[in-house]
Amino acid sequence: MPYTPYHFGPSGFVGLVFKKYIDIPVFVLANVVVDVEVLVINLLGLGWPIHRYTHTLLIGALAGAVWALAAYPLRGLFKKIMTILHLPYRTSVRRMLISGVLGAWLHVLIDSIYHYDVRLFWPSRLRPLYELLTKQQVKTLCIGFFVLAFIEYLLIVKSRMKQKQSPKELTADKAATGRKEA
């Protein structure tokens, strides 16, 4: 992708759908970590293809794991942010490692469809996913997943708000709904 924000749709959606198994902040931010390579290559003017090592499954996994370990001390901050967002947050080193690797891999998979210079199975030169979809289709899917992630987020928040209501409020809500339907 030309800009990391396109990755937030798919990573947000996958993270929310699998929130029981994935550390959402680590998973989503692993997509940013992978593109640090692009930033460094551009800033230093190295003249290399901008999607070089972290844009492979092998080194991408390593980058995701390193990110997860670096993020471990930030878990308290992530919990506060997730609480503000009304999202549940339980984590462990294992969950963070899995999330970092899977987040990096999702980024690499999307970019391998979009960019010619991504060598998914490095050191092999094979590019089996390149142009599987058009660039416009990839962008549209990423935006579509962003919309789906937002809808999923709203559904999760609505469900959590309902759970926080007292039993008396729930009974009153059911009674009010029953009167409207009659």
Protein backbone atom coordinates (compact mmCIF):
# COMPACT_ATOMS: atom_id res chain seq x y z
CA MET A 1 0.00 0.00 0.00
CA PRO A 2 1.26 3.48 -0.62
CA TYR A 3 0.31 4.54 2.93
CA THR A 4 -0.08 2.48 6.08
CA PRO A 5 -3.60 3.84 6.88
CA TYR A 6 -5.03 1.47 4.28
CA HIS A 7 -3.92 -1.38 6.53
CA PHE A 8 -5.98 -0.19 9.49
CA GLY A 9 -9.24 -1.40 7.92
CA PRO A 10 -8.29 -5.06 7.52
CA SER A 11 -6.22 -5.17 10.72
CA GLY A 12 -8.93 -3.42 12.74
CA PHE A 13 -11.61 -5.75 11.43
CA VAL A 14 -9.58 -8.94 12.01
CA GLY A 15 -8.47 -7.69 15.43
CA LEU A 16 -12.02 -6.94 16.54
CA VAL A 17 -13.49 -10.17 15.19
CA PHE A 18 -10.79 -12.24 16.89
CA LYS A 19 -10.44 -10.02 19.98
CA LYS A 20 -10.72 -13.07 22.22
CA TYR A 21 -7.42 -14.38 20.81
CA ILE A 22 -5.59 -11.28 19.58
CA ASP A 23 -4.03 -8.33 21.37
CA ILE A 24 -5.70 -5.65 19.25
CA PRO A 25 -3.21 -2.79 19.82
CA VAL A 26 -0.21 -5.02 19.10
CA PHE A 27 -1.90 -6.58 16.06
CA VAL A 28 -2.97 -3.26 14.52
CA LEU A 29 0.30 -1.46 15.27
CA ALA A 30 2.35 -4.33 13.84
CA ASN A 31 1.12 -2.99 10.50
CA VAL A 32 2.87 0.31 11.24
CA VAL A 33 6.07 -1.40 12.39
CA VAL A 34 6.45 -3.19 9.05
CA ASP A 35 6.37 0.13 7.20
CA VAL A 36 9.18 1.61 9.32
CA GLU A 37 11.44 -0.07 6.77
CA VAL A 38 9.85 1.99 3.97
CA LEU A 39 10.33 5.18 5.99
CA VAL A 40 14.01 4.43 6.73
CA ILE A 41 14.81 3.53 3.12
CA ASN A 42 13.14 6.73 1.90
CA LEU A 43 14.65 9.02 4.54
CA LEU A 44 18.17 7.68 4.08
CA GLY A 45 17.88 7.62 0.29
CA LEU A 46 19.36 4.12 0.14
CA GLY A 47 18.18 3.47 -3.41
CA TRP A 48 16.88 0.03 -2.47
CA PRO A 49 13.44 -1.26 -3.30
CA ILE A 50 11.32 0.25 -0.51
CA HIS A 51 9.71 -3.08 0.40
CA ARG A 52 12.75 -5.10 1.22
CA TYR A 53 13.16 -7.33 4.28
CA THR A 54 10.32 -6.67 6.72
CA HIS A 55 7.95 -7.12 3.79
CA THR A 56 8.68 -10.86 3.72
CA LEU A 57 6.99 -13.56 5.79
CA LEU A 58 10.29 -14.55 7.41
CA ILE A 59 11.67 -11.16 8.48
CA GLY A 60 8.15 -9.74 8.88
CA ALA A 61 7.50 -12.39 11.55
CA LEU A 62 10.72 -11.41 13.30
CA ALA A 63 9.77 -7.71 13.14
CA GLY A 64 6.31 -8.51 14.52
CA ALA A 65 7.79 -10.55 17.37
CA VAL A 66 10.33 -7.85 18.25
CA TRP A 67 7.52 -5.27 18.21
CA ALA A 68 5.42 -7.47 20.52
CA LEU A 69 8.26 -7.79 23.03
CA ALA A 70 8.94 -4.05 22.86
CA ALA A 71 5.22 -3.39 23.39
CA TYR A 72 4.96 -5.64 26.46
CA PRO A 73 5.89 -2.82 28.88
CA LEU A 74 3.15 -0.70 27.25
CA ARG A 75 0.36 -3.13 28.12
CA GLY A 76 -0.86 -0.88 30.96
CA LEU A 77 -1.20 2.03 28.54
CA PHE A 78 -2.95 -0.22 26.01
CA LYS A 79 -5.40 -1.33 28.73
CA LYS A 80 -6.23 2.31 29.56
CA ILE A 81 -6.79 3.13 25.88
CA MET A 82 -8.93 0.03 25.36
CA THR A 83 -10.97 0.94 28.45
CA ILE A 84 -11.60 4.42 27.02
CA LEU A 85 -12.68 2.74 23.78
CA HIS A 86 -14.96 0.37 25.75
CA LEU A 87 -13.11 -2.68 24.47
CA PRO A 88 -12.06 -5.63 26.62
CA TYR A 89 -8.33 -6.09 27.07
CA ARG A 90 -6.55 -9.13 28.42
CA THR A 91 -3.08 -9.96 27.25
CA SER A 92 0.01 -12.05 27.84
CA VAL A 93 3.45 -12.28 26.29
CA ARG A 94 2.23 -15.22 24.20
CA ARG A 95 -0.85 -13.36 22.93
CA MET A 96 1.27 -10.31 22.13
CA LEU A 97 3.84 -12.39 20.21
CA ILE A 98 1.14 -14.13 18.17
CA SER A 99 -0.55 -10.79 17.51
CA GLY A 100 2.68 -9.10 16.44
CA VAL A 101 3.56 -11.88 13.99
CA LEU A 102 0.04 -12.18 12.55
CA GLY A 103 -0.30 -8.40 12.25
CA ALA A 104 2.98 -8.16 10.35
CA TRP A 105 1.95 -11.05 8.11
CA LEU A 106 -1.38 -9.43 7.29
CA HIS A 107 0.48 -6.29 6.23
CA VAL A 108 2.92 -8.28 4.11
CA LEU A 109 0.12 -10.27 2.45
CA ILE A 110 -1.78 -7.12 1.48
CA ASP A 111 1.37 -5.45 0.19
CA SER A 112 2.36 -8.58 -1.76
CA ILE A 113 -0.80 -8.18 -3.84
CA TYR A 114 -0.25 -4.46 -4.33
CA HIS A 115 3.52 -3.93 -4.74
CA TYR A 116 5.82 -5.66 -7.22
CA ASP A 117 8.90 -5.37 -5.02
CA VAL A 118 7.43 -7.42 -2.13
CA ARG A 119 9.11 -10.82 -2.06
CA LEU A 120 6.74 -12.72 0.20
CA PHE A 121 8.84 -15.89 0.34
CA TRP A 122 12.28 -14.23 0.38
CA PRO A 123 14.92 -15.28 -0.53
CA SER A 124 12.79 -16.74 -3.34
CA ARG A 125 11.94 -14.27 -6.09
CA LEU A 126 8.45 -15.74 -6.54
CA ARG A 127 5.62 -13.22 -6.35
CA PRO A 128 2.54 -15.48 -6.36
CA LEU A 129 0.06 -12.89 -5.08
CA TYR A 130 1.19 -9.85 -7.05
CA GLU A 131 -1.72 -8.41 -9.04
CA LEU A 132 -4.10 -11.07 -7.76
CA LEU A 133 -6.39 -8.04 -7.48
CA THR A 134 -6.07 -4.62 -9.10
CA LYS A 135 -4.67 -1.78 -7.02
CA GLN A 136 -8.13 -0.18 -6.97
CA GLN A 137 -9.73 -3.43 -5.77
CA VAL A 138 -7.19 -3.67 -2.94
CA LYS A 139 -7.83 -0.06 -1.90
CA THR A 140 -11.59 -0.59 -2.06
CA LEU A 141 -11.37 -3.76 0.03
CA CYS A 142 -9.21 -2.01 2.62
CA ILE A 143 -11.70 0.86 2.89
CA GLY A 144 -14.57 -1.64 3.01
CA PHE A 145 -12.88 -3.46 5.87
CA PHE A 146 -12.46 -0.14 7.66
CA VAL A 147 -16.24 0.38 7.45
CA LEU A 148 -16.83 -3.20 8.65
CA ALA A 149 -14.36 -2.66 11.52
CA PHE A 150 -16.26 0.47 12.56
CA ILE A 151 -19.58 -1.40 12.47
CA GLU A 152 -18.06 -4.29 14.47
CA TYR A 153 -16.69 -1.78 16.99
CA LEU A 154 -20.12 -0.18 17.43
CA LEU A 155 -21.72 -3.61 17.92
CA ILE A 156 -19.13 -4.54 20.55
CA VAL A 157 -19.59 -1.26 22.42
CA LYS A 158 -23.40 -1.60 22.29
CA SER A 159 -23.16 -5.15 23.65
CA ARG A 160 -20.80 -4.09 26.45
CA MET A 161 -23.05 -1.18 27.40
CA LYS A 162 -26.01 -3.56 27.63
CA GLN A 163 -23.99 -5.90 29.86
CA LYS A 164 -23.18 -3.01 32.21
CA GLN A 165 -26.86 -2.14 32.72
CA SER A 166 -28.35 -3.30 35.99
CA PRO A 167 -30.89 -6.15 35.91
CA LYS A 168 -33.60 -3.63 36.89
CA GLU A 169 -32.75 -1.44 33.85
CA LEU A 170 -32.73 -4.48 31.58
CA THR A 171 -36.19 -5.49 32.81
CA ALA A 172 -37.44 -1.94 32.23
CA ASP A 173 -35.90 -1.93 28.72
CA LYS A 174 -37.55 -5.25 27.88
CA ALA A 175 -40.88 -4.04 29.17
CA ALA A 176 -40.60 -0.82 27.12
CA THR A 177 -39.66 -2.80 24.02
CA GLY A 178 -42.56 -5.18 24.61
CA ARG A 179 -45.04 -2.31 24.83
CA LYS A 180 -43.75 -0.83 21.57
CA GLU A 181 -44.07 -4.13 19.74
CA ALA A 182 -47.65 -4.81 20.96
